[in-house]
N, C-alpha and C. Protein backbone atom coordinates (compact mmCIF):
# COMPACT_ATOMS: atom_id res chain seq x y z
N MET A 1 1.38 -1.37 0.31
CA MET A 1 0.04 -0.04 0.39
C MET A 1 0.61 1.25 -0.15
N VAL A 2 2.20 1.28 0.73
CA VAL A 2 2.65 2.33 0.75
C VAL A 2 3.64 2.58 -0.44
N SER A 3 3.85 1.39 -0.92
CA SER A 3 4.33 1.85 -2.52
C SER A 3 3.75 1.99 -3.10
N ILE A 4 2.59 1.58 -3.50
CA ILE A 4 1.78 2.54 -4.44
C ILE A 4 1.43 3.48 -4.14
N PHE A 5 1.24 4.39 -2.89
CA PHE A 5 1.17 5.35 -2.65
C PHE A 5 2.37 6.55 -2.41
N THR A 6 3.56 5.63 -2.37
CA THR A 6 5.09 6.51 -2.99
C THR A 6 5.18 6.85 -4.74
N SER A 7 4.49 5.70 -5.33
CA SER A 7 4.31 5.54 -6.90
C SER A 7 3.79 6.77 -6.97
N ILE A 8 2.72 6.63 -6.76
CA ILE A 8 1.54 7.62 -7.61
C ILE A 8 2.23 9.08 -6.98
N ILE A 9 2.80 9.35 -5.67
CA ILE A 9 3.21 10.32 -5.40
C ILE A 9 4.46 10.86 -6.72
N ALA A 10 5.33 10.44 -6.71
CA ALA A 10 6.24 10.16 -7.30
C ALA A 10 6.43 10.23 -9.16
N LEU A 11 4.78 9.84 -9.70
CA LEU A 11 4.53 10.11 -10.37
C LEU A 11 3.90 11.64 -10.84
N LEU A 12 2.72 11.93 -9.86
CA LEU A 12 2.58 13.43 -9.71
C LEU A 12 3.80 14.53 -9.68
N LEU A 13 4.80 14.15 -8.96
CA LEU A 13 5.92 14.93 -9.21
C LEU A 13 6.54 15.08 -10.25
N VAL A 14 6.63 13.78 -11.38
CA VAL A 14 7.22 13.93 -12.65
C VAL A 14 6.54 14.85 -13.54
N ALA A 15 5.36 14.66 -13.27
CA ALA A 15 4.27 15.55 -14.16
C ALA A 15 4.65 16.90 -13.87
N LEU A 16 4.27 17.05 -12.85
CA LEU A 16 4.60 18.50 -12.53
C LEU A 16 6.09 19.29 -12.47
N VAL A 17 6.93 18.54 -12.82
CA VAL A 17 8.60 18.62 -12.82
C VAL A 17 8.14 18.91 -15.12
N ILE A 18 7.77 18.21 -15.48
CA ILE A 18 7.10 18.03 -16.77
C ILE A 18 6.65 19.24 -17.02
N TRP A 19 5.68 19.69 -16.34
CA TRP A 19 4.85 20.54 -16.79
C TRP A 19 5.09 21.77 -16.47
N VAL A 20 6.39 22.24 -15.68
CA VAL A 20 7.17 23.35 -15.41
C VAL A 20 7.99 23.83 -16.40
N HIS A 21 8.33 22.56 -16.95
CA HIS A 21 9.94 22.52 -17.68
C HIS A 21 9.17 23.35 -19.02
N LEU A 22 7.94 22.38 -19.46
CA LEU A 22 7.22 22.35 -21.04
C LEU A 22 6.87 24.79 -20.82
N SER A 23 5.98 24.47 -19.88
CA SER A 23 5.33 25.97 -19.72
C SER A 23 6.49 26.86 -19.46
N THR A 24 7.83 26.51 -19.10
CA THR A 24 8.86 27.61 -19.10
C THR A 24 9.26 27.92 -20.84
N GLN A 25 9.69 26.75 -21.27
CA GLN A 25 10.03 26.55 -22.28
C GLN A 25 9.19 27.52 -23.19
N GLN A 26 7.91 27.49 -23.29
CA GLN A 26 6.89 27.72 -24.19
C GLN A 26 6.76 29.77 -23.41
N HIS A 27 7.05 29.94 -21.79
CA HIS A 27 7.82 30.81 -21.98
C HIS A 27 8.85 32.00 -22.78
N VAL A 28 9.78 31.04 -22.84
CA VAL A 28 11.07 31.78 -23.40
C VAL A 28 11.35 31.65 -24.93
N GLN A 29 10.21 30.44 -25.28
CA GLN A 29 10.25 30.95 -26.87
C GLN A 29 9.67 32.48 -26.92
N GLN A 30 8.53 32.63 -26.49
CA GLN A 30 7.71 33.29 -26.67
C GLN A 30 8.99 34.85 -26.25
N LEU A 31 9.45 35.26 -25.13
CA LEU A 31 10.24 36.27 -25.26
C LEU A 31 11.36 36.06 -26.11
N GLN A 32 11.86 34.86 -26.93
CA GLN A 32 12.77 34.83 -27.64
C GLN A 32 12.06 35.89 -29.25
N PHE A 33 10.76 35.40 -29.58
CA PHE A 33 10.21 36.05 -30.31
C PHE A 33 9.71 37.68 -30.32
N LYS A 34 9.53 38.00 -29.00
CA LYS A 34 9.12 39.35 -28.85
C LYS A 34 11.04 39.72 -29.06
N LEU A 35 11.70 39.48 -28.45
CA LEU A 35 13.07 39.99 -28.72
C LEU A 35 13.73 40.38 -30.10
N GLN A 36 13.25 39.27 -31.10
CA GLN A 36 13.63 39.30 -32.17
C GLN A 36 13.08 40.64 -33.23
N SER A 37 11.35 40.61 -32.71
CA SER A 37 10.72 41.82 -32.93
C SER A 37 10.91 42.93 -32.22
N MET A 38 11.65 43.14 -30.98
CA MET A 38 12.05 44.09 -31.17
C MET A 38 13.21 44.47 -31.66
N GLN A 39 14.07 43.44 -31.56
CA GLN A 39 15.86 43.96 -32.91
C GLN A 39 15.58 43.98 -33.92
N LYS A 40 14.33 43.72 -34.60
CA LYS A 40 13.86 44.48 -35.71
C LYS A 40 13.27 45.94 -35.75
N ASP A 41 12.41 45.90 -34.82
CA ASP A 41 11.91 47.17 -34.83
C ASP A 41 13.46 48.40 -34.31
N VAL A 42 14.73 47.70 -33.69
CA VAL A 42 15.70 49.10 -33.74
C VAL A 42 16.64 49.03 -35.02
N ASP A 43 16.55 47.72 -35.74
CA ASP A 43 17.19 48.12 -36.82
C ASP A 43 16.74 48.82 -37.97
N ASN A 44 15.41 48.65 -38.07
CA ASN A 44 14.65 49.74 -38.64
C ASN A 44 14.52 50.90 -38.58
N ALA A 45 14.68 51.56 -36.85
CA ALA A 45 15.07 52.96 -36.71
C ALA A 45 16.56 53.53 -36.90
N LYS A 46 17.50 52.52 -36.56
CA LYS A 46 18.78 52.67 -37.08
C LYS A 46 18.96 52.69 -38.41
N SER A 47 18.10 52.61 -39.72
CA SER A 47 18.21 52.92 -40.71
C SER A 47 17.61 53.84 -41.49
N LEU A 48 16.51 54.50 -40.54
CA LEU A 48 16.19 55.41 -40.99
C LEU A 48 16.53 56.73 -40.32
N SER A 49 17.41 56.25 -39.00
CA SER A 49 17.54 58.00 -38.49
C SER A 49 18.32 58.78 -39.58
N PRO A 50 19.68 58.08 -40.80
CA PRO A 50 20.28 59.09 -41.28
C PRO A 50 19.03 59.75 -42.40
N GLU A 51 18.41 58.98 -42.75
CA GLU A 51 17.70 59.16 -43.97
C GLU A 51 16.93 60.51 -43.24
N ILE A 52 15.55 60.12 -41.99
CA ILE A 52 15.27 61.52 -41.36
C ILE A 52 16.25 62.76 -41.39
N ALA A 53 17.40 62.54 -41.48
CA ALA A 53 18.25 63.41 -40.38
C ALA A 53 18.49 64.30 -42.29
N GLN A 54 18.60 63.55 -42.68
CA GLN A 54 19.06 64.31 -44.63
C GLN A 54 17.75 64.58 -44.45
N LEU A 55 16.66 64.62 -44.19
CA LEU A 55 15.29 65.47 -45.11
C LEU A 55 14.84 66.46 -43.83
N HIS A 56 15.77 66.29 -42.92
CA HIS A 56 15.99 67.24 -42.06
C HIS A 56 16.58 68.62 -42.15
N GLU A 57 18.00 68.13 -42.78
CA GLU A 57 18.51 69.17 -43.13
C GLU A 57 18.47 70.09 -44.97
N HIS A 58 17.23 68.81 -45.47
CA HIS A 58 17.16 69.65 -46.87
C HIS A 58 16.27 70.37 -46.33
N ILE A 59 15.19 70.15 -45.47
CA ILE A 59 14.28 71.01 -45.06
C ILE A 59 14.71 72.66 -44.81
N GLN A 60 16.10 72.46 -43.79
CA GLN A 60 16.41 73.48 -43.50
C GLN A 60 17.19 74.29 -44.26
N ARG A 61 17.52 73.97 -45.39
CA ARG A 61 18.44 74.35 -46.33
C ARG A 61 17.31 75.39 -47.02
N ILE A 62 15.78 74.65 -47.21
CA ILE A 62 15.09 75.06 -48.38
C ILE A 62 14.59 76.67 -47.71
N GLU A 63 13.98 76.28 -45.96
CA GLU A 63 13.78 77.74 -44.95
C GLU A 63 14.53 78.66 -45.21
N GLU A 64 15.86 77.98 -45.60
CA GLU A 64 17.06 79.19 -45.70
C GLU A 64 16.90 80.29 -46.74
N LYS A 65 16.43 79.53 -47.89
CA LYS A 65 16.52 79.81 -48.83
C LYS A 65 15.33 80.68 -49.10
N LEU A 66 14.07 79.64 -48.56
CA LEU A 66 12.88 81.41 -48.70
C LEU A 66 13.65 82.07 -47.86
N SER A 67 13.91 82.76 -46.34
CA SER A 67 13.93 83.51 -45.69
C SER A 67 15.01 84.36 -46.54
N ALA A 68 16.07 83.50 -47.34
CA ALA A 68 17.02 84.54 -48.24
C ALA A 68 16.15 85.04 -49.25
N THR A 69 14.98 84.51 -49.68
CA THR A 69 14.22 85.22 -50.76
C THR A 69 13.27 86.62 -50.57
N GLU A 70 13.06 86.09 -48.87
CA GLU A 70 11.73 86.80 -48.52
C GLU A 70 12.73 88.62 -48.38
N ALA A 71 14.21 88.28 -47.62
CA ALA A 71 14.56 89.28 -47.59
C ALA A 71 15.00 90.20 -48.49
N LYS A 72 15.19 89.65 -49.71
CA LYS A 72 15.38 90.32 -50.70
C LYS A 72 14.80 91.36 -51.00
N PRO A 73 14.72 92.77 -52.23
CA PRO A 73 13.20 93.26 -52.83
C PRO A 73 12.42 92.18 -53.73
N SER A 74 11.67 93.11 -54.07
CA SER A 74 10.63 92.50 -54.31
C SER A 74 10.57 92.33 -56.15
N SER A 75 12.01 93.17 -56.55
CA SER A 75 12.21 92.90 -57.82
C SER A 75 13.40 91.74 -57.97
N ALA A 76 13.97 90.69 -56.65
CA ALA A 76 14.73 89.44 -57.02
C ALA A 76 13.48 88.86 -57.76
N THR A 77 14.41 87.75 -58.03
CA THR A 77 13.76 86.47 -59.55
C THR A 77 13.85 85.73 -58.06
N LEU A 78 12.52 85.11 -57.94
CA LEU A 78 12.24 84.01 -57.37
C LEU A 78 13.07 82.60 -57.77
N PRO A 79 13.76 81.57 -56.70
CA PRO A 79 14.30 80.16 -56.81
C PRO A 79 13.43 79.16 -57.19
N THR A 80 13.92 78.33 -58.28
CA THR A 80 12.83 77.18 -58.50
C THR A 80 11.98 76.64 -57.43
N SER A 81 12.27 76.86 -56.42
CA SER A 81 11.85 75.93 -55.44
C SER A 81 10.77 76.70 -55.14
N VAL A 82 10.60 78.18 -55.10
CA VAL A 82 8.75 78.69 -54.76
C VAL A 82 8.16 79.07 -56.06
N ILE A 83 7.32 78.25 -56.02
CA ILE A 83 6.01 78.31 -57.36
C ILE A 83 4.77 79.21 -56.33
N LYS A 84 4.33 80.57 -57.30
CA LYS A 84 3.06 81.26 -57.12
C LYS A 84 2.16 81.06 -57.70
N THR A 85 1.49 80.80 -56.77
CA THR A 85 -0.21 80.61 -56.99
C THR A 85 -1.21 81.94 -57.32
N ILE A 86 -2.00 81.95 -58.58
CA ILE A 86 -2.60 82.59 -58.61
C ILE A 86 -3.86 82.76 -58.48
N THR A 87 -4.58 83.23 -58.02
CA THR A 87 -6.52 83.04 -57.63
C THR A 87 -7.04 84.30 -58.38
N LEU A 88 -8.27 84.27 -59.05
CA LEU A 88 -8.95 85.50 -59.02
C LEU A 88 -10.03 85.57 -57.73
N ASN A 89 -10.16 87.00 -58.02
CA ASN A 89 -10.89 87.52 -56.73
C ASN A 89 -12.58 87.70 -57.81
N THR A 90 -13.47 87.41 -57.60
CA THR A 90 -14.76 87.34 -58.75
C THR A 90 -15.32 88.89 -59.27
N ALA A 91 -15.49 89.64 -57.68
CA ALA A 91 -16.09 90.57 -58.11
C ALA A 91 -14.53 91.92 -58.77
N VAL A 92 -13.85 91.92 -58.26
CA VAL A 92 -13.00 92.44 -59.02
C VAL A 92 -12.52 91.97 -60.15
N GLN A 93 -11.85 90.77 -60.00
CA GLN A 93 -10.94 90.17 -60.39
C GLN A 93 -9.62 90.45 -60.67
N LYS A 94 -9.01 90.56 -59.27
CA LYS A 94 -8.32 91.36 -58.96
C LYS A 94 -7.38 90.09 -58.17
N LEU A 95 -5.72 90.12 -58.82
CA LEU A 95 -4.89 88.56 -58.84
C LEU A 95 -4.36 89.26 -56.97
N GLU A 96 -4.42 87.80 -56.61
CA GLU A 96 -3.72 87.98 -55.31
C GLU A 96 -3.02 87.05 -55.21
N GLN A 97 -1.55 87.07 -54.93
CA GLN A 97 -0.67 85.52 -55.29
C GLN A 97 -0.09 85.81 -53.63
N THR A 98 -0.20 84.44 -53.46
CA THR A 98 0.63 83.74 -52.70
C THR A 98 1.89 82.71 -52.70
N THR A 99 3.00 82.62 -51.52
CA THR A 99 3.92 81.63 -52.28
C THR A 99 4.01 80.43 -51.35
N LYS A 100 3.90 79.40 -52.16
CA LYS A 100 4.06 78.35 -51.94
C LYS A 100 5.70 77.49 -51.81
N VAL A 101 6.02 76.69 -50.68
CA VAL A 101 7.38 76.20 -51.07
C VAL A 101 6.78 74.45 -50.92
N ASP A 102 7.63 74.45 -52.54
CA ASP A 102 7.80 72.95 -52.47
C ASP A 102 9.17 72.15 -52.49
N ILE A 103 8.86 71.48 -51.67
CA ILE A 103 10.78 70.45 -51.58
C ILE A 103 10.76 70.67 -53.24
N ALA A 104 12.22 70.54 -53.88
CA ALA A 104 12.84 70.07 -55.01
C ALA A 104 13.24 68.91 -54.64
N PRO A 105 12.75 68.24 -55.54
CA PRO A 105 13.12 66.66 -55.48
C PRO A 105 14.31 66.26 -56.07
N THR A 106 14.59 65.16 -55.10
CA THR A 106 16.64 65.21 -55.69
C THR A 106 16.18 64.55 -56.39
N PRO A 107 17.87 64.32 -57.13
CA PRO A 107 18.23 63.53 -58.33
C PRO A 107 17.42 61.65 -58.08
N ASN A 108 17.35 61.42 -56.83
CA ASN A 108 16.91 60.15 -56.57
C ASN A 108 15.33 59.98 -55.98
N ALA A 109 14.66 60.70 -55.90
CA ALA A 109 13.40 61.02 -55.08
C ALA A 109 12.74 60.13 -56.19
N GLN A 110 11.82 59.08 -55.84
CA GLN A 110 11.10 58.45 -56.45
C GLN A 110 9.98 58.58 -55.84
N TRP A 111 9.54 58.26 -54.60
CA TRP A 111 8.66 58.85 -53.59
C TRP A 111 7.82 59.51 -53.55
N MET A 112 6.56 59.44 -53.39
CA MET A 112 5.58 60.84 -52.59
C MET A 112 5.04 60.34 -52.03
N VAL A 113 4.29 61.25 -51.43
CA VAL A 113 3.54 61.33 -49.70
C VAL A 113 2.25 62.08 -50.34
N ILE A 114 0.59 61.54 -51.04
CA ILE A 114 -0.10 62.31 -51.60
C ILE A 114 -1.02 62.09 -49.88
N ILE A 115 -1.56 63.51 -49.49
CA ILE A 115 -1.59 64.16 -48.75
C ILE A 115 -3.26 64.28 -48.30
N ALA A 116 -3.85 64.32 -50.10
CA ALA A 116 -5.47 64.40 -49.15
C ALA A 116 -5.40 64.54 -51.00
N SER A 117 -7.04 64.31 -51.77
CA SER A 117 -7.03 64.16 -53.30
C SER A 117 -8.75 64.87 -52.80
N PHE A 118 -9.02 65.78 -53.86
CA PHE A 118 -10.26 66.34 -54.35
C PHE A 118 -10.54 66.35 -55.47
N ASP A 119 -11.76 66.43 -56.10
CA ASP A 119 -12.67 66.23 -57.09
C ASP A 119 -12.61 67.69 -57.87
N HIS A 120 -12.24 68.97 -56.87
CA HIS A 120 -12.42 69.96 -57.21
C HIS A 120 -11.04 71.01 -56.71
N LEU A 121 -10.67 71.73 -57.83
CA LEU A 121 -9.63 72.11 -57.51
C LEU A 121 -9.63 73.99 -55.98
N GLU A 122 -10.87 74.18 -56.30
CA GLU A 122 -10.90 75.28 -54.97
C GLU A 122 -10.45 74.12 -53.89
N LYS A 123 -11.04 73.32 -53.87
CA LYS A 123 -11.38 72.42 -52.54
C LYS A 123 -9.64 72.30 -52.42
N ALA A 124 -9.29 72.04 -53.13
CA ALA A 124 -7.37 71.38 -52.91
C ALA A 124 -6.77 72.53 -52.49
N LYS A 125 -7.41 73.88 -53.27
CA LYS A 125 -6.59 75.14 -52.56
C LYS A 125 -7.04 75.37 -51.09
N LYS A 126 -7.88 75.47 -51.04
CA LYS A 126 -8.90 75.78 -49.43
C LYS A 126 -7.68 74.84 -48.64
N TYR A 127 -7.73 73.69 -48.50
CA TYR A 127 -7.38 72.18 -47.49
C TYR A 127 -5.90 72.54 -47.73
N GLN A 128 -5.12 73.00 -48.68
CA GLN A 128 -3.56 72.67 -48.66
C GLN A 128 -3.28 74.22 -47.96
N GLN A 129 -4.18 75.08 -47.93
CA GLN A 129 -3.81 76.89 -47.54
C GLN A 129 -4.58 76.67 -45.62
N SER A 130 -5.00 76.08 -45.35
CA SER A 130 -5.64 75.68 -44.42
C SER A 130 -4.34 75.40 -43.07
N LYS A 131 -4.56 75.94 -42.04
CA LYS A 131 -3.54 76.09 -40.71
C LYS A 131 -2.92 74.75 -40.70
N LYS A 132 -3.86 73.77 -40.60
CA LYS A 132 -3.48 72.36 -40.17
C LYS A 132 -2.58 71.90 -41.47
N SER A 133 -2.97 72.34 -42.70
CA SER A 133 -1.59 71.37 -44.06
C SER A 133 -0.87 72.33 -44.13
N SER A 134 -0.65 73.43 -43.89
CA SER A 134 0.12 74.99 -44.39
C SER A 134 1.88 74.76 -44.29
N GLU A 135 1.47 73.96 -43.29
CA GLU A 135 3.36 74.06 -42.59
C GLU A 135 3.63 72.65 -43.48
N LEU A 136 3.05 71.83 -44.16
CA LEU A 136 3.35 70.39 -44.44
C LEU A 136 4.22 70.27 -45.96
N HIS A 137 4.49 72.01 -46.51
CA HIS A 137 5.50 72.48 -47.30
C HIS A 137 4.91 71.73 -48.79
N SER A 138 4.04 71.51 -49.47
CA SER A 138 2.95 70.43 -50.16
C SER A 138 2.90 70.96 -51.75
N ILE A 139 2.67 70.83 -52.63
CA ILE A 139 2.53 71.60 -53.89
C ILE A 139 0.70 70.63 -54.15
N ILE A 140 0.20 71.48 -55.19
CA ILE A 140 -1.07 70.36 -55.91
C ILE A 140 -0.81 69.89 -56.82
N THR A 141 -1.04 69.13 -57.52
CA THR A 141 -1.25 68.01 -58.38
C THR A 141 -2.40 68.01 -59.54
N ARG A 142 -2.43 67.66 -60.83
CA ARG A 142 -3.53 67.52 -60.98
C ARG A 142 -3.37 65.98 -61.39
N VAL A 143 -4.48 64.83 -61.64
CA VAL A 143 -4.28 63.61 -62.34
C VAL A 143 -5.25 63.17 -62.83
N LYS A 144 -5.05 62.95 -64.14
CA LYS A 144 -6.66 62.83 -64.86
C LYS A 144 -6.69 60.91 -64.63
N LEU A 145 -8.47 60.60 -64.25
CA LEU A 145 -8.21 59.28 -64.29
C LEU A 145 -9.41 58.73 -64.96
N LYS A 146 -9.52 57.38 -64.60
CA LYS A 146 -11.03 57.35 -65.02
C LYS A 146 -12.40 57.91 -64.75
N ASN A 147 -12.47 58.08 -63.79
CA ASN A 147 -13.86 58.78 -62.93
C ASN A 147 -13.60 60.11 -63.10
N GLY A 148 -12.51 61.19 -63.42
CA GLY A 148 -12.29 62.58 -64.16
C GLY A 148 -10.71 62.69 -63.47
N THR A 149 -11.23 64.50 -63.14
CA THR A 149 -9.95 64.51 -62.90
C THR A 149 -9.93 64.70 -61.64
N TRP A 150 -8.74 64.63 -60.43
CA TRP A 150 -8.43 64.81 -59.34
C TRP A 150 -7.40 65.82 -58.60
N TYR A 151 -7.25 66.56 -58.05
CA TYR A 151 -6.23 67.53 -57.49
C TYR A 151 -5.95 66.74 -56.20
N ARG A 152 -4.62 66.81 -56.32
CA ARG A 152 -3.65 66.26 -54.81
C ARG A 152 -2.77 66.97 -54.40
N ILE A 153 -2.64 66.91 -53.37
CA ILE A 153 -1.96 67.49 -52.00
C ILE A 153 -0.83 66.91 -52.11
N VAL A 154 0.33 66.98 -52.49
CA VAL A 154 1.93 66.08 -52.81
C VAL A 154 2.72 66.62 -51.82
N ARG A 155 3.34 65.75 -51.17
CA ARG A 155 5.07 66.08 -50.69
C ARG A 155 5.69 65.33 -51.69
N SER A 156 6.74 65.94 -52.18
CA SER A 156 7.61 64.67 -52.47
C SER A 156 9.16 65.30 -52.46
N GLY A 157 9.86 64.15 -52.81
CA GLY A 157 11.14 64.05 -52.89
C GLY A 157 11.44 63.14 -52.19
N PHE A 158 10.96 62.56 -51.54
CA PHE A 158 11.17 60.89 -50.95
C PHE A 158 12.14 59.81 -51.78
N THR A 159 13.44 59.34 -51.83
CA THR A 159 14.31 58.67 -52.39
C THR A 159 14.07 57.13 -51.87
N ASP A 160 13.49 57.19 -50.98
CA ASP A 160 13.03 55.51 -50.79
C ASP A 160 11.63 55.37 -50.12
N GLN A 161 11.42 54.31 -50.27
CA GLN A 161 9.47 54.06 -49.58
C GLN A 161 9.81 54.33 -48.31
N ALA A 162 10.72 53.78 -47.64
CA ALA A 162 10.99 53.69 -46.04
C ALA A 162 10.52 54.97 -45.59
N SER A 163 11.32 55.73 -45.77
CA SER A 163 11.31 57.55 -45.49
C SER A 163 9.97 57.84 -46.25
N ALA A 164 9.32 57.57 -47.26
CA ALA A 164 8.07 58.18 -47.38
C ALA A 164 7.28 57.81 -46.53
N MET A 165 7.50 56.26 -46.35
CA MET A 165 6.20 55.94 -45.10
C MET A 165 6.36 56.02 -44.25
N ALA A 166 7.65 56.52 -43.05
CA ALA A 166 7.62 57.39 -42.55
C ALA A 166 7.08 58.46 -41.85
N PHE A 167 7.02 58.95 -43.20
CA PHE A 167 6.48 60.71 -42.62
C PHE A 167 5.14 60.81 -43.09
N THR A 168 4.29 59.14 -43.69
CA THR A 168 3.22 59.34 -43.62
C THR A 168 2.68 58.75 -42.27
N GLN A 169 3.47 57.95 -41.61
CA GLN A 169 2.94 57.85 -40.72
C GLN A 169 2.88 59.08 -39.22
N LYS A 170 3.85 60.28 -39.39
CA LYS A 170 3.98 60.93 -38.77
C LYS A 170 2.90 61.83 -39.19
N ILE A 171 2.02 61.97 -40.43
CA ILE A 171 1.61 62.73 -40.21
C ILE A 171 -0.34 62.46 -40.03
N LYS A 172 -0.01 60.51 -40.38
CA LYS A 172 -1.51 60.03 -39.95
C LYS A 172 -1.33 60.68 -38.58
N LYS A 173 -0.90 60.55 -37.42
CA LYS A 173 -0.44 61.06 -36.13
C LYS A 173 -1.26 62.47 -36.01
N LEU A 174 -0.77 63.15 -36.82
CA LEU A 174 -0.89 64.93 -36.87
C LEU A 174 -2.85 65.42 -37.56
N GLY A 175 -3.11 63.46 -37.73
CA GLY A 175 -4.39 63.86 -38.51
C GLY A 175 -4.53 64.21 -39.82
N PHE A 176 -3.80 63.60 -40.72
CA PHE A 176 -3.69 63.44 -41.77
C PHE A 176 -3.77 61.93 -42.14
N ARG A 177 -5.57 61.43 -41.82
CA ARG A 177 -5.68 59.65 -41.79
C ARG A 177 -5.32 59.53 -43.19
N ASN A 178 -5.78 60.24 -44.22
CA ASN A 178 -5.79 59.78 -45.69
C ASN A 178 -4.75 59.46 -46.85
N ALA A 179 -3.36 60.13 -46.07
CA ALA A 179 -2.07 60.12 -46.25
C ALA A 179 -1.50 58.60 -46.79
N TRP A 180 -1.76 58.48 -47.99
CA TRP A 180 -0.95 57.35 -48.60
C TRP A 180 0.47 57.84 -49.69
N ILE A 181 1.22 56.75 -49.65
CA ILE A 181 2.65 56.51 -50.36
C ILE A 181 2.13 56.29 -51.60
N GLN A 182 3.29 56.87 -52.91
CA GLN A 182 3.14 56.07 -54.15
C GLN A 182 4.49 56.39 -55.11
N ARG A 183 4.58 55.57 -55.19
CA ARG A 183 6.35 56.00 -56.80
C ARG A 183 5.65 57.18 -57.12
N ARG A 184 6.67 58.16 -58.20
CA ARG A 184 6.53 58.76 -58.86
C ARG A 184 6.38 58.15 -60.51
N PRO A 185 5.31 58.86 -61.10
CA PRO A 185 5.59 58.18 -63.05
C PRO A 185 6.52 58.66 -62.99
């Protein structure tokens, strides 16, 4: 009777040890998977850092050019990175000029971010000039599709898909939820 009792206890102890061992192994595997995932995130962040720094420097250079242009007398010619948008005032037919900055695409720029798309030019201009989107340094492009002509608010100048995607994720957090990336045609 005692030997049966000790045998049952021994079997229970062995089962307990096996159960603890298996659950520990499963936990270790989950932790290894999380570690690998975190390592990939770190690797991606390291690869994006130089590109983000390069974009930041590029933006600073353009802002310096813009401030230098604003400091010059009005008879000075504007650099190619400045585009004048002209709209008509209906009553007086008076021309109003506003200056928008276009990030000049780098020679290898193959990607762009479409911030928004509208079926009327006036809607696109109004959205681009709004306080929320005026700091994105975008331009308006016209695209003819099967269902008509669309006016897209675009930010170009991205050399690779990762940098365009990083910018898209950043502006989506700022409220531009419909933004997407596209390879330049």
